Amino acid sequence: DEVLSMEELHDLPVALHTQFFKASDDSAKLTVLARVDVKRLRYKQADDRNQNDLTVVTAVFDRNGNFLQANQKVVQMRWRSETLQNKLASGITLTTHFDVKPGHYLVRVVARDSEQKLMSAENGTVEIP
């Protein structure tokens, strides 16, 4: 439901960036980068690991708001304490690629963790000439 909503949520800090590469006059590769700051997440301790799952859905809509395509990724975080400290400093970045035609697009990234059910929803636009 949240993917199809256009409302933004900011429980989790997520930075959305887009890039594109035109392969030809009528095709392009759209890359969506979602950097998630994992400092606010809580982690369950199990088997000497800090555990949480982060579900991230990246969706592309046309200029009229019509849904075109989406991709869901689940990041299973099972980090030792040393790794967790590094990730707290740098965050994690997820990359998603879409094949599109030149045009104007709305990009939406929705992220939710499994422990606290914190959610973020960010919107961005990109125009591919």
N, C-alpha and C. Protein backbone atom coordinates (compact mmCIF):
# COMPACT_ATOMS: atom_id res chain seq x y z
N ASP A 1 0.83 -1.20 0.00
CA ASP A 1 0.00 0.00 0.00
C ASP A 1 0.87 1.26 0.00
N GLU A 2 1.95 1.21 0.78
CA GLU A 2 2.79 2.40 0.91
C GLU A 2 3.51 2.74 -0.40
N VAL A 3 3.82 1.74 -1.19
CA VAL A 3 4.50 1.99 -2.46
C VAL A 3 3.60 2.81 -3.39
N LEU A 4 2.31 2.53 -3.38
CA LEU A 4 1.38 3.22 -4.27
C LEU A 4 0.92 4.56 -3.73
N SER A 5 1.19 4.83 -2.46
CA SER A 5 0.89 6.14 -1.88
C SER A 5 1.99 7.11 -2.31
N MET A 6 1.71 8.37 -2.35
CA MET A 6 2.74 9.35 -2.69
C MET A 6 3.20 10.12 -1.45
N GLU A 7 2.68 9.75 -0.28
CA GLU A 7 3.06 10.42 0.96
C GLU A 7 4.46 9.99 1.38
N GLU A 8 5.25 10.94 1.81
CA GLU A 8 6.59 10.62 2.29
C GLU A 8 6.56 10.36 3.79
N LEU A 9 7.38 9.41 4.21
CA LEU A 9 7.57 9.08 5.63
C LEU A 9 9.05 9.14 5.92
N HIS A 10 9.40 9.50 7.16
CA HIS A 10 10.83 9.68 7.46
C HIS A 10 11.23 9.04 8.79
N ASP A 11 10.69 7.85 9.10
CA ASP A 11 11.12 7.14 10.32
C ASP A 11 12.58 6.70 10.22
N LEU A 12 12.97 6.28 9.04
CA LEU A 12 14.35 5.88 8.76
C LEU A 12 14.96 6.90 7.82
N PRO A 13 16.18 7.34 8.07
CA PRO A 13 16.82 8.25 7.12
C PRO A 13 17.25 7.49 5.85
N VAL A 14 16.62 7.86 4.73
CA VAL A 14 16.94 7.27 3.43
C VAL A 14 17.22 8.40 2.45
N ALA A 15 18.35 8.31 1.77
CA ALA A 15 18.70 9.29 0.73
C ALA A 15 18.51 8.61 -0.62
N LEU A 16 17.74 9.24 -1.49
CA LEU A 16 17.42 8.71 -2.80
C LEU A 16 18.19 9.49 -3.86
N HIS A 17 18.89 8.75 -4.74
CA HIS A 17 19.63 9.36 -5.84
C HIS A 17 19.33 8.58 -7.11
N THR A 18 19.29 9.28 -8.24
CA THR A 18 19.07 8.61 -9.52
C THR A 18 20.18 8.97 -10.49
N GLN A 19 20.45 8.04 -11.38
CA GLN A 19 21.40 8.24 -12.47
C GLN A 19 20.81 7.55 -13.70
N PHE A 20 21.19 7.98 -14.88
CA PHE A 20 20.73 7.28 -16.07
C PHE A 20 21.82 7.27 -17.12
N PHE A 21 21.70 6.28 -17.99
CA PHE A 21 22.60 6.13 -19.13
C PHE A 21 21.73 5.80 -20.33
N LYS A 22 21.84 6.62 -21.37
CA LYS A 22 21.07 6.37 -22.59
C LYS A 22 21.84 5.40 -23.48
N ALA A 23 21.26 4.24 -23.68
CA ALA A 23 21.88 3.24 -24.54
C ALA A 23 21.65 3.57 -26.02
N SER A 24 20.51 4.21 -26.31
CA SER A 24 20.18 4.64 -27.67
C SER A 24 19.17 5.77 -27.56
N ASP A 25 18.67 6.24 -28.69
CA ASP A 25 17.70 7.34 -28.67
C ASP A 25 16.39 6.95 -28.01
N ASP A 26 16.07 5.64 -28.00
CA ASP A 26 14.79 5.22 -27.45
C ASP A 26 14.89 4.24 -26.29
N SER A 27 16.06 4.13 -25.67
CA SER A 27 16.18 3.27 -24.49
C SER A 27 17.25 3.82 -23.53
N ALA A 28 17.00 3.58 -22.26
CA ALA A 28 17.92 4.06 -21.23
C ALA A 28 17.92 3.09 -20.06
N LYS A 29 18.97 3.16 -19.28
CA LYS A 29 19.09 2.39 -18.04
C LYS A 29 19.01 3.39 -16.90
N LEU A 30 17.97 3.27 -16.06
CA LEU A 30 17.78 4.12 -14.90
C LEU A 30 18.31 3.38 -13.68
N THR A 31 19.21 4.02 -12.95
CA THR A 31 19.77 3.45 -11.73
C THR A 31 19.28 4.27 -10.55
N VAL A 32 18.74 3.56 -9.55
CA VAL A 32 18.25 4.20 -8.34
C VAL A 32 19.12 3.73 -7.18
N LEU A 33 19.71 4.69 -6.49
CA LEU A 33 20.54 4.40 -5.32
C LEU A 33 19.78 4.84 -4.08
N ALA A 34 19.64 3.93 -3.13
CA ALA A 34 18.97 4.25 -1.86
C ALA A 34 19.98 3.99 -0.74
N ARG A 35 20.41 5.07 -0.10
CA ARG A 35 21.35 4.94 1.02
C ARG A 35 20.56 5.02 2.30
N VAL A 36 20.64 3.95 3.10
CA VAL A 36 19.87 3.85 4.33
C VAL A 36 20.82 4.02 5.52
N ASP A 37 20.49 4.98 6.38
CA ASP A 37 21.23 5.19 7.62
C ASP A 37 20.67 4.21 8.64
N VAL A 38 21.48 3.26 9.08
CA VAL A 38 21.00 2.18 9.95
C VAL A 38 21.21 2.46 11.44
N LYS A 39 21.59 3.69 11.78
CA LYS A 39 21.85 4.02 13.19
C LYS A 39 20.61 3.92 14.07
N ARG A 40 19.44 4.22 13.51
CA ARG A 40 18.22 4.25 14.31
C ARG A 40 17.57 2.88 14.47
N LEU A 41 18.12 1.88 13.80
CA LEU A 41 17.54 0.54 13.89
C LEU A 41 17.97 -0.15 15.17
N ARG A 42 17.10 -1.01 15.65
CA ARG A 42 17.44 -1.89 16.78
C ARG A 42 17.75 -3.25 16.19
N TYR A 43 18.62 -3.96 16.87
CA TYR A 43 19.05 -5.26 16.40
C TYR A 43 18.81 -6.31 17.47
N LYS A 44 18.26 -7.44 17.05
CA LYS A 44 18.05 -8.57 17.95
C LYS A 44 19.36 -9.34 18.04
N GLN A 45 19.74 -9.71 19.24
CA GLN A 45 20.97 -10.47 19.44
C GLN A 45 20.66 -11.96 19.34
N ALA A 46 21.35 -12.66 18.43
CA ALA A 46 21.17 -14.10 18.27
C ALA A 46 22.43 -14.67 17.61
N ASP A 47 22.92 -15.75 18.16
CA ASP A 47 24.10 -16.43 17.59
C ASP A 47 25.27 -15.48 17.40
N ASP A 48 25.54 -14.64 18.40
CA ASP A 48 26.65 -13.70 18.37
C ASP A 48 26.55 -12.71 17.19
N ARG A 49 25.32 -12.44 16.76
CA ARG A 49 25.09 -11.52 15.64
C ARG A 49 24.03 -10.49 16.02
N ASN A 50 24.12 -9.35 15.36
CA ASN A 50 23.12 -8.29 15.47
C ASN A 50 22.21 -8.45 14.26
N GLN A 51 20.93 -8.79 14.51
CA GLN A 51 20.05 -9.18 13.42
C GLN A 51 18.86 -8.23 13.25
N ASN A 52 18.57 -7.97 11.99
CA ASN A 52 17.39 -7.23 11.58
C ASN A 52 17.25 -7.44 10.08
N ASP A 53 16.05 -7.37 9.56
CA ASP A 53 15.82 -7.47 8.12
C ASP A 53 15.27 -6.14 7.63
N LEU A 54 15.78 -5.69 6.52
CA LEU A 54 15.34 -4.44 5.92
C LEU A 54 14.77 -4.75 4.54
N THR A 55 13.48 -4.44 4.36
CA THR A 55 12.82 -4.63 3.08
C THR A 55 12.77 -3.29 2.37
N VAL A 56 13.26 -3.26 1.14
CA VAL A 56 13.29 -2.02 0.36
C VAL A 56 12.62 -2.29 -0.99
N VAL A 57 11.61 -1.47 -1.29
CA VAL A 57 10.92 -1.55 -2.57
C VAL A 57 11.21 -0.27 -3.33
N THR A 58 11.68 -0.42 -4.56
CA THR A 58 11.93 0.72 -5.44
C THR A 58 10.95 0.62 -6.59
N ALA A 59 10.20 1.69 -6.83
CA ALA A 59 9.17 1.68 -7.87
C ALA A 59 9.34 2.87 -8.80
N VAL A 60 8.92 2.67 -10.05
CA VAL A 60 8.98 3.72 -11.06
C VAL A 60 7.57 3.95 -11.59
N PHE A 61 7.20 5.24 -11.67
CA PHE A 61 5.91 5.66 -12.18
C PHE A 61 6.13 6.62 -13.34
N ASP A 62 5.17 6.66 -14.29
CA ASP A 62 5.30 7.62 -15.38
C ASP A 62 4.91 9.02 -14.89
N ARG A 63 4.98 9.99 -15.76
CA ARG A 63 4.72 11.38 -15.37
C ARG A 63 3.28 11.61 -14.91
N ASN A 64 2.37 10.70 -15.26
CA ASN A 64 0.97 10.81 -14.84
C ASN A 64 0.69 10.02 -13.56
N GLY A 65 1.72 9.44 -12.97
CA GLY A 65 1.54 8.68 -11.74
C GLY A 65 1.14 7.24 -11.93
N ASN A 66 1.19 6.75 -13.16
CA ASN A 66 0.85 5.36 -13.44
C ASN A 66 2.04 4.46 -13.11
N PHE A 67 1.77 3.40 -12.35
CA PHE A 67 2.80 2.45 -11.95
C PHE A 67 3.36 1.75 -13.18
N LEU A 68 4.70 1.68 -13.28
CA LEU A 68 5.35 1.01 -14.39
C LEU A 68 6.03 -0.29 -13.96
N GLN A 69 6.90 -0.22 -12.97
CA GLN A 69 7.62 -1.40 -12.51
C GLN A 69 8.20 -1.17 -11.13
N ALA A 70 8.53 -2.28 -10.46
CA ALA A 70 9.10 -2.19 -9.11
C ALA A 70 10.03 -3.37 -8.87
N ASN A 71 10.85 -3.20 -7.86
CA ASN A 71 11.79 -4.24 -7.45
C ASN A 71 11.83 -4.25 -5.93
N GLN A 72 11.77 -5.43 -5.33
CA GLN A 72 11.85 -5.57 -3.88
C GLN A 72 13.12 -6.32 -3.51
N LYS A 73 13.82 -5.78 -2.52
CA LYS A 73 15.01 -6.43 -2.00
C LYS A 73 14.88 -6.56 -0.49
N VAL A 74 15.31 -7.69 0.04
CA VAL A 74 15.33 -7.90 1.49
C VAL A 74 16.79 -8.07 1.90
N VAL A 75 17.25 -7.16 2.73
CA VAL A 75 18.61 -7.22 3.24
C VAL A 75 18.56 -7.88 4.61
N GLN A 76 19.11 -9.08 4.70
CA GLN A 76 19.15 -9.78 5.98
C GLN A 76 20.45 -9.40 6.67
N MET A 77 20.31 -8.53 7.66
CA MET A 77 21.49 -8.07 8.38
C MET A 77 21.77 -9.06 9.51
N ARG A 78 22.92 -9.68 9.44
CA ARG A 78 23.37 -10.64 10.46
C ARG A 78 24.82 -10.28 10.76
N TRP A 79 24.99 -9.13 11.43
CA TRP A 79 26.31 -8.55 11.56
C TRP A 79 26.95 -8.83 12.90
N ARG A 80 28.24 -9.13 12.84
CA ARG A 80 29.03 -9.17 14.07
C ARG A 80 29.17 -7.74 14.57
N SER A 81 29.56 -7.58 15.80
CA SER A 81 29.63 -6.24 16.41
C SER A 81 30.57 -5.32 15.65
N GLU A 82 31.71 -5.83 15.17
CA GLU A 82 32.66 -4.98 14.43
C GLU A 82 32.04 -4.48 13.12
N THR A 83 31.35 -5.37 12.43
CA THR A 83 30.70 -4.99 11.18
C THR A 83 29.60 -3.98 11.44
N LEU A 84 28.84 -4.19 12.51
CA LEU A 84 27.77 -3.26 12.85
C LEU A 84 28.33 -1.86 13.09
N GLN A 85 29.45 -1.75 13.76
CA GLN A 85 30.05 -0.44 14.01
C GLN A 85 30.41 0.26 12.70
N ASN A 86 30.94 -0.49 11.75
CA ASN A 86 31.26 0.09 10.44
C ASN A 86 30.01 0.55 9.71
N LYS A 87 28.96 -0.27 9.76
CA LYS A 87 27.71 0.07 9.08
C LYS A 87 27.02 1.26 9.75
N LEU A 88 27.16 1.39 11.06
CA LEU A 88 26.57 2.54 11.75
C LEU A 88 27.21 3.83 11.26
N ALA A 89 28.49 3.77 10.90
CA ALA A 89 29.19 4.96 10.42
C ALA A 89 28.86 5.26 8.95
N SER A 90 28.72 4.20 8.13
CA SER A 90 28.58 4.42 6.69
C SER A 90 27.18 4.20 6.14
N GLY A 91 26.36 3.42 6.82
CA GLY A 91 25.05 3.07 6.29
C GLY A 91 25.19 2.00 5.21
N ILE A 92 24.08 1.68 4.57
CA ILE A 92 24.11 0.71 3.48
C ILE A 92 23.47 1.34 2.24
N THR A 93 23.94 0.95 1.08
CA THR A 93 23.42 1.48 -0.18
C THR A 93 22.91 0.33 -1.02
N LEU A 94 21.67 0.47 -1.48
CA LEU A 94 21.07 -0.52 -2.37
C LEU A 94 20.92 0.11 -3.74
N THR A 95 21.26 -0.66 -4.76
CA THR A 95 21.21 -0.18 -6.14
C THR A 95 20.20 -1.01 -6.91
N THR A 96 19.32 -0.33 -7.64
CA THR A 96 18.32 -1.00 -8.46
C THR A 96 18.36 -0.40 -9.86
N HIS A 97 18.27 -1.26 -10.87
CA HIS A 97 18.33 -0.83 -12.27
C HIS A 97 16.98 -1.10 -12.95
N PHE A 98 16.58 -0.15 -13.79
CA PHE A 98 15.37 -0.30 -14.58
C PHE A 98 15.68 0.06 -16.04
N ASP A 99 15.10 -0.70 -16.96
CA ASP A 99 15.18 -0.36 -18.38
C ASP A 99 13.96 0.48 -18.70
N VAL A 100 14.19 1.70 -19.18
CA VAL A 100 13.11 2.64 -19.46
C VAL A 100 13.36 3.33 -20.81
N LYS A 101 12.35 4.05 -21.25
CA LYS A 101 12.49 4.89 -22.44
C LYS A 101 12.73 6.32 -21.98
N PRO A 102 13.24 7.18 -22.82
CA PRO A 102 13.38 8.58 -22.44
C PRO A 102 12.02 9.13 -22.00
N GLY A 103 12.04 9.97 -20.98
CA GLY A 103 10.80 10.54 -20.48
C GLY A 103 10.98 11.06 -19.07
N HIS A 104 9.87 11.45 -18.47
CA HIS A 104 9.86 12.00 -17.11
C HIS A 104 9.28 10.93 -16.19
N TYR A 105 9.98 10.63 -15.08
CA TYR A 105 9.57 9.56 -14.18
C TYR A 105 9.56 10.02 -12.73
N LEU A 106 8.64 9.43 -11.97
CA LEU A 106 8.65 9.55 -10.51
C LEU A 106 9.23 8.25 -9.97
N VAL A 107 10.19 8.36 -9.08
CA VAL A 107 10.81 7.20 -8.45
C VAL A 107 10.44 7.23 -6.98
N ARG A 108 10.07 6.07 -6.45
CA ARG A 108 9.68 5.98 -5.04
C ARG A 108 10.43 4.84 -4.39
N VAL A 109 11.01 5.12 -3.22
CA VAL A 109 11.70 4.10 -2.44
C VAL A 109 11.02 4.00 -1.08
N VAL A 110 10.62 2.78 -0.73
CA VAL A 110 10.00 2.52 0.57
C VAL A 110 10.86 1.48 1.29
N ALA A 111 11.24 1.79 2.52
CA ALA A 111 12.07 0.89 3.32
C ALA A 111 11.40 0.64 4.66
N ARG A 112 11.47 -0.62 5.13
CA ARG A 112 10.87 -0.98 6.42
C ARG A 112 11.72 -2.05 7.08
N ASP A 113 11.96 -1.88 8.38
CA ASP A 113 12.74 -2.89 9.09
C ASP A 113 11.79 -3.86 9.79
N SER A 114 12.30 -5.05 10.14
CA SER A 114 11.46 -6.09 10.72
C SER A 114 11.35 -6.00 12.24
N GLU A 115 12.28 -5.36 12.91
CA GLU A 115 12.27 -5.32 14.38
C GLU A 115 11.34 -4.26 14.93
N GLN A 116 11.50 -3.02 14.50
CA GLN A 116 10.70 -1.91 15.04
C GLN A 116 9.57 -1.50 14.11
N LYS A 117 9.60 -2.01 12.88
CA LYS A 117 8.63 -1.64 11.86
C LYS A 117 8.73 -0.16 11.50
N LEU A 118 9.95 0.39 11.62
CA LEU A 118 10.18 1.77 11.16
C LEU A 118 10.08 1.79 9.65
N MET A 119 9.53 2.88 9.10
CA MET A 119 9.34 2.95 7.66
C MET A 119 9.76 4.31 7.13
N SER A 120 10.29 4.28 5.93
CA SER A 120 10.62 5.51 5.22
C SER A 120 10.08 5.37 3.80
N ALA A 121 9.60 6.48 3.28
CA ALA A 121 9.13 6.53 1.90
C ALA A 121 9.59 7.85 1.31
N GLU A 122 10.41 7.75 0.28
CA GLU A 122 10.99 8.93 -0.36
C GLU A 122 10.60 8.97 -1.83
N ASN A 123 10.34 10.16 -2.34
CA ASN A 123 10.01 10.36 -3.75
C ASN A 123 11.11 11.16 -4.43
N GLY A 124 11.32 10.88 -5.68
CA GLY A 124 12.25 11.65 -6.49
C GLY A 124 11.77 11.66 -7.92
N THR A 125 12.28 12.59 -8.70
CA THR A 125 11.92 12.63 -10.12
C THR A 125 13.20 12.61 -10.95
N VAL A 126 13.04 12.13 -12.15
CA VAL A 126 14.15 12.12 -13.09
C VAL A 126 13.57 12.33 -14.49
N GLU A 127 14.27 13.14 -15.27
CA GLU A 127 13.89 13.33 -16.67
C GLU A 127 15.04 12.84 -17.53
N ILE A 128 14.71 11.92 -18.42
CA ILE A 128 15.71 11.38 -19.33
C ILE A 128 15.38 11.94 -20.71
N PRO A 129 16.24 12.81 -21.22
CA PRO A 129 15.96 13.47 -22.51
C PRO A 129 16.00 12.50 -23.69
